N, C-alpha and C. Protein backbone atom coordinates (compact mmCIF):
# COMPACT_ATOMS: atom_id res chain seq x y z
N MET A 1 10.32 -23.41 9.87
CA MET A 1 10.31 -22.01 10.21
C MET A 1 9.71 -21.87 11.60
N SER A 2 10.34 -21.06 12.42
CA SER A 2 9.82 -20.86 13.77
C SER A 2 9.55 -19.37 13.99
N TYR A 3 8.62 -19.12 14.87
CA TYR A 3 8.21 -17.75 15.17
C TYR A 3 8.35 -17.50 16.66
N SER A 4 8.74 -16.31 17.00
CA SER A 4 8.84 -15.96 18.42
C SER A 4 7.45 -15.64 18.95
N ASP A 5 7.34 -15.61 20.26
CA ASP A 5 6.08 -15.23 20.88
C ASP A 5 5.67 -13.82 20.46
N ALA A 6 6.65 -12.95 20.29
CA ALA A 6 6.36 -11.58 19.86
C ALA A 6 5.80 -11.55 18.44
N ASP A 7 6.32 -12.42 17.55
CA ASP A 7 5.81 -12.51 16.18
C ASP A 7 4.35 -12.95 16.18
N VAL A 8 4.05 -13.96 16.97
CA VAL A 8 2.69 -14.49 17.05
C VAL A 8 1.75 -13.44 17.64
N ALA A 9 2.19 -12.77 18.68
CA ALA A 9 1.36 -11.73 19.30
C ALA A 9 1.09 -10.59 18.32
N ALA A 10 2.10 -10.20 17.55
CA ALA A 10 1.92 -9.12 16.56
C ALA A 10 0.94 -9.54 15.47
N ALA A 11 1.04 -10.79 15.02
CA ALA A 11 0.12 -11.28 14.00
C ALA A 11 -1.31 -11.32 14.53
N ASN A 12 -1.49 -11.80 15.75
CA ASN A 12 -2.82 -11.85 16.34
C ASN A 12 -3.40 -10.45 16.53
N ALA A 13 -2.57 -9.51 16.94
CA ALA A 13 -3.03 -8.13 17.12
C ALA A 13 -3.47 -7.53 15.78
N ALA A 14 -2.70 -7.80 14.72
CA ALA A 14 -3.05 -7.29 13.39
C ALA A 14 -4.38 -7.87 12.93
N LEU A 15 -4.59 -9.15 13.16
CA LEU A 15 -5.86 -9.78 12.77
C LEU A 15 -7.02 -9.23 13.59
N ASP A 16 -6.82 -9.12 14.90
CA ASP A 16 -7.88 -8.64 15.78
C ASP A 16 -8.29 -7.21 15.47
N LYS A 17 -7.37 -6.43 14.94
CA LYS A 17 -7.64 -5.03 14.60
C LYS A 17 -8.83 -4.93 13.63
N TYR A 18 -8.97 -5.88 12.73
CA TYR A 18 -10.01 -5.81 11.70
C TYR A 18 -11.18 -6.76 11.90
N ARG A 19 -11.02 -7.74 12.75
CA ARG A 19 -12.06 -8.75 12.93
C ARG A 19 -13.34 -8.22 13.55
N SER A 20 -13.28 -7.12 14.22
CA SER A 20 -14.44 -6.54 14.90
C SER A 20 -15.05 -7.51 15.90
N GLY A 21 -14.19 -8.33 16.53
CA GLY A 21 -14.67 -9.26 17.54
C GLY A 21 -15.35 -10.49 16.97
N LEU A 22 -15.36 -10.65 15.66
CA LEU A 22 -16.02 -11.79 15.03
C LEU A 22 -15.01 -12.89 14.77
N ASP A 23 -15.31 -14.11 15.23
CA ASP A 23 -14.40 -15.24 15.05
C ASP A 23 -14.89 -16.21 14.00
N ASP A 24 -15.80 -15.76 13.13
CA ASP A 24 -16.32 -16.63 12.09
C ASP A 24 -15.76 -16.22 10.73
N GLU A 25 -16.38 -16.67 9.65
CA GLU A 25 -15.90 -16.35 8.31
C GLU A 25 -15.91 -14.85 8.04
N ILE A 26 -16.89 -14.15 8.57
CA ILE A 26 -16.95 -12.70 8.37
C ILE A 26 -15.74 -12.04 9.01
N GLY A 27 -15.40 -12.44 10.21
CA GLY A 27 -14.23 -11.88 10.88
C GLY A 27 -12.95 -12.16 10.11
N ALA A 28 -12.82 -13.37 9.58
CA ALA A 28 -11.65 -13.73 8.80
C ALA A 28 -11.58 -12.91 7.52
N ALA A 29 -12.72 -12.74 6.86
CA ALA A 29 -12.76 -11.95 5.63
C ALA A 29 -12.40 -10.49 5.92
N LEU A 30 -12.93 -9.94 7.01
CA LEU A 30 -12.62 -8.56 7.37
C LEU A 30 -11.13 -8.38 7.66
N ALA A 31 -10.54 -9.39 8.32
CA ALA A 31 -9.11 -9.32 8.62
C ALA A 31 -8.29 -9.31 7.34
N VAL A 32 -8.64 -10.18 6.40
CA VAL A 32 -7.90 -10.23 5.13
C VAL A 32 -8.07 -8.92 4.37
N ILE A 33 -9.28 -8.39 4.33
CA ILE A 33 -9.54 -7.12 3.65
C ILE A 33 -8.70 -6.00 4.27
N GLY A 34 -8.72 -5.91 5.58
CA GLY A 34 -7.98 -4.85 6.27
C GLY A 34 -6.48 -4.95 6.07
N LEU A 35 -5.94 -6.15 6.19
CA LEU A 35 -4.51 -6.34 6.00
C LEU A 35 -4.11 -6.09 4.55
N SER A 36 -4.96 -6.50 3.61
CA SER A 36 -4.68 -6.25 2.19
C SER A 36 -4.70 -4.75 1.89
N ALA A 37 -5.62 -4.03 2.51
CA ALA A 37 -5.68 -2.59 2.31
C ALA A 37 -4.43 -1.91 2.84
N GLU A 38 -3.95 -2.36 4.00
CA GLU A 38 -2.71 -1.80 4.54
C GLU A 38 -1.55 -2.04 3.58
N ARG A 39 -1.47 -3.25 3.07
CA ARG A 39 -0.38 -3.58 2.15
C ARG A 39 -0.49 -2.75 0.86
N ALA A 40 -1.70 -2.61 0.34
CA ALA A 40 -1.90 -1.83 -0.88
C ALA A 40 -1.48 -0.38 -0.66
N ASP A 41 -1.83 0.19 0.49
CA ASP A 41 -1.43 1.57 0.81
C ASP A 41 0.08 1.72 0.79
N LYS A 42 0.78 0.74 1.37
CA LYS A 42 2.24 0.78 1.39
C LYS A 42 2.81 0.67 -0.02
N GLU A 43 2.26 -0.22 -0.83
CA GLU A 43 2.73 -0.41 -2.19
C GLU A 43 2.48 0.84 -3.04
N ILE A 44 1.34 1.47 -2.85
CA ILE A 44 1.03 2.70 -3.58
C ILE A 44 1.99 3.81 -3.20
N ALA A 45 2.31 3.91 -1.92
CA ALA A 45 3.26 4.93 -1.47
C ALA A 45 4.63 4.71 -2.10
N ILE A 46 5.06 3.46 -2.16
CA ILE A 46 6.35 3.13 -2.79
C ILE A 46 6.29 3.47 -4.27
N ARG A 47 5.21 3.08 -4.95
CA ARG A 47 5.07 3.37 -6.37
C ARG A 47 5.12 4.87 -6.64
N ASP A 48 4.39 5.63 -5.83
CA ASP A 48 4.35 7.08 -6.03
C ASP A 48 5.73 7.71 -5.80
N ASP A 49 6.45 7.23 -4.79
CA ASP A 49 7.82 7.73 -4.57
C ASP A 49 8.70 7.45 -5.78
N MET A 50 8.58 6.26 -6.34
CA MET A 50 9.39 5.89 -7.50
C MET A 50 8.98 6.68 -8.75
N ILE A 51 7.69 6.99 -8.87
CA ILE A 51 7.23 7.83 -9.98
C ILE A 51 7.87 9.20 -9.89
N ARG A 52 7.86 9.79 -8.69
CA ARG A 52 8.48 11.11 -8.51
C ARG A 52 9.98 11.05 -8.78
N THR A 53 10.63 9.98 -8.34
CA THR A 53 12.07 9.82 -8.58
C THR A 53 12.35 9.70 -10.07
N ALA A 54 11.60 8.85 -10.76
CA ALA A 54 11.81 8.65 -12.19
C ALA A 54 11.63 9.97 -12.95
N HIS A 55 10.63 10.73 -12.58
CA HIS A 55 10.40 12.01 -13.24
C HIS A 55 11.53 12.99 -12.95
N ARG A 56 11.96 13.02 -11.70
CA ARG A 56 13.03 13.94 -11.30
C ARG A 56 14.32 13.65 -12.07
N VAL A 57 14.60 12.39 -12.38
CA VAL A 57 15.84 12.05 -13.07
C VAL A 57 15.69 12.01 -14.59
N GLY A 58 14.51 12.37 -15.10
CA GLY A 58 14.38 12.57 -16.54
C GLY A 58 13.39 11.73 -17.30
N ALA A 59 12.70 10.80 -16.67
CA ALA A 59 11.69 10.02 -17.39
C ALA A 59 10.51 10.93 -17.74
N SER A 60 9.94 10.70 -18.91
CA SER A 60 8.79 11.50 -19.32
C SER A 60 7.53 10.99 -18.64
N LEU A 61 6.53 11.85 -18.59
CA LEU A 61 5.24 11.44 -18.02
C LEU A 61 4.67 10.26 -18.80
N ARG A 62 4.84 10.26 -20.12
CA ARG A 62 4.35 9.18 -20.96
C ARG A 62 5.03 7.86 -20.59
N GLN A 63 6.35 7.89 -20.45
CA GLN A 63 7.09 6.67 -20.08
C GLN A 63 6.62 6.13 -18.74
N ILE A 64 6.46 7.03 -17.80
CA ILE A 64 6.04 6.62 -16.45
C ILE A 64 4.62 6.05 -16.49
N ALA A 65 3.73 6.74 -17.21
CA ALA A 65 2.34 6.29 -17.29
C ALA A 65 2.26 4.89 -17.89
N GLU A 66 3.03 4.66 -18.95
CA GLU A 66 3.02 3.34 -19.58
C GLU A 66 3.56 2.26 -18.64
N ALA A 67 4.64 2.57 -17.94
CA ALA A 67 5.23 1.59 -17.03
C ALA A 67 4.30 1.29 -15.85
N ALA A 68 3.60 2.31 -15.38
CA ALA A 68 2.75 2.14 -14.19
C ALA A 68 1.34 1.67 -14.53
N GLY A 69 0.98 1.75 -15.80
CA GLY A 69 -0.39 1.40 -16.17
C GLY A 69 -1.38 2.44 -15.70
N LEU A 70 -0.93 3.68 -15.66
CA LEU A 70 -1.76 4.80 -15.21
C LEU A 70 -1.92 5.80 -16.34
N GLY A 71 -2.90 6.67 -16.22
CA GLY A 71 -3.07 7.76 -17.17
C GLY A 71 -2.07 8.87 -16.88
N ARG A 72 -1.80 9.67 -17.91
CA ARG A 72 -0.85 10.78 -17.73
C ARG A 72 -1.33 11.79 -16.70
N LYS A 73 -2.64 12.01 -16.65
CA LYS A 73 -3.17 12.96 -15.65
C LYS A 73 -2.90 12.45 -14.23
N THR A 74 -3.06 11.17 -14.02
CA THR A 74 -2.79 10.59 -12.71
C THR A 74 -1.32 10.72 -12.36
N VAL A 75 -0.45 10.42 -13.33
CA VAL A 75 0.99 10.52 -13.11
C VAL A 75 1.36 11.97 -12.81
N THR A 76 0.79 12.91 -13.55
CA THR A 76 1.06 14.33 -13.31
C THR A 76 0.66 14.71 -11.90
N ALA A 77 -0.49 14.26 -11.45
CA ALA A 77 -0.95 14.56 -10.09
C ALA A 77 0.00 13.98 -9.05
N ILE A 78 0.50 12.78 -9.29
CA ILE A 78 1.43 12.16 -8.36
C ILE A 78 2.74 12.94 -8.32
N VAL A 79 3.25 13.31 -9.50
CA VAL A 79 4.51 14.04 -9.59
C VAL A 79 4.40 15.39 -8.88
N GLU A 80 3.26 16.04 -9.02
CA GLU A 80 3.08 17.36 -8.43
C GLU A 80 2.69 17.33 -6.96
N ALA A 81 2.30 16.17 -6.45
CA ALA A 81 1.87 16.06 -5.05
C ALA A 81 3.07 16.18 -4.12
N ASP A 82 2.79 16.76 -2.97
CA ASP A 82 3.82 16.87 -1.93
C ASP A 82 3.77 15.58 -1.11
N PRO A 83 4.81 14.74 -1.18
CA PRO A 83 4.77 13.46 -0.49
C PRO A 83 4.81 13.59 1.04
N HIS A 84 5.11 14.75 1.54
CA HIS A 84 5.20 14.94 2.99
C HIS A 84 3.91 15.48 3.57
N ARG A 85 2.95 15.76 2.72
CA ARG A 85 1.65 16.26 3.16
C ARG A 85 0.77 15.07 3.45
N ALA A 86 0.05 15.07 4.54
CA ALA A 86 -0.79 13.93 4.91
C ALA A 86 -2.17 14.02 4.35
């Protein structure tokens, strides 16, 4: 597998964003934490979009809650939330 210079630069920039200038184990841990948080945010956004879609096409709150491993109150809040509001 080969990477372009742009790929490497983007990866370094992403790591540097969270390292806080630290090049030791703390900096590495902070980078992993930050990148993991970004990924989790993206995954949650996708999950919430799919929850709203499933509800819109007829899935019950109970079905969605069981599939997502969430409580019905949480699913209700997601379904009622405006996804375009920041």
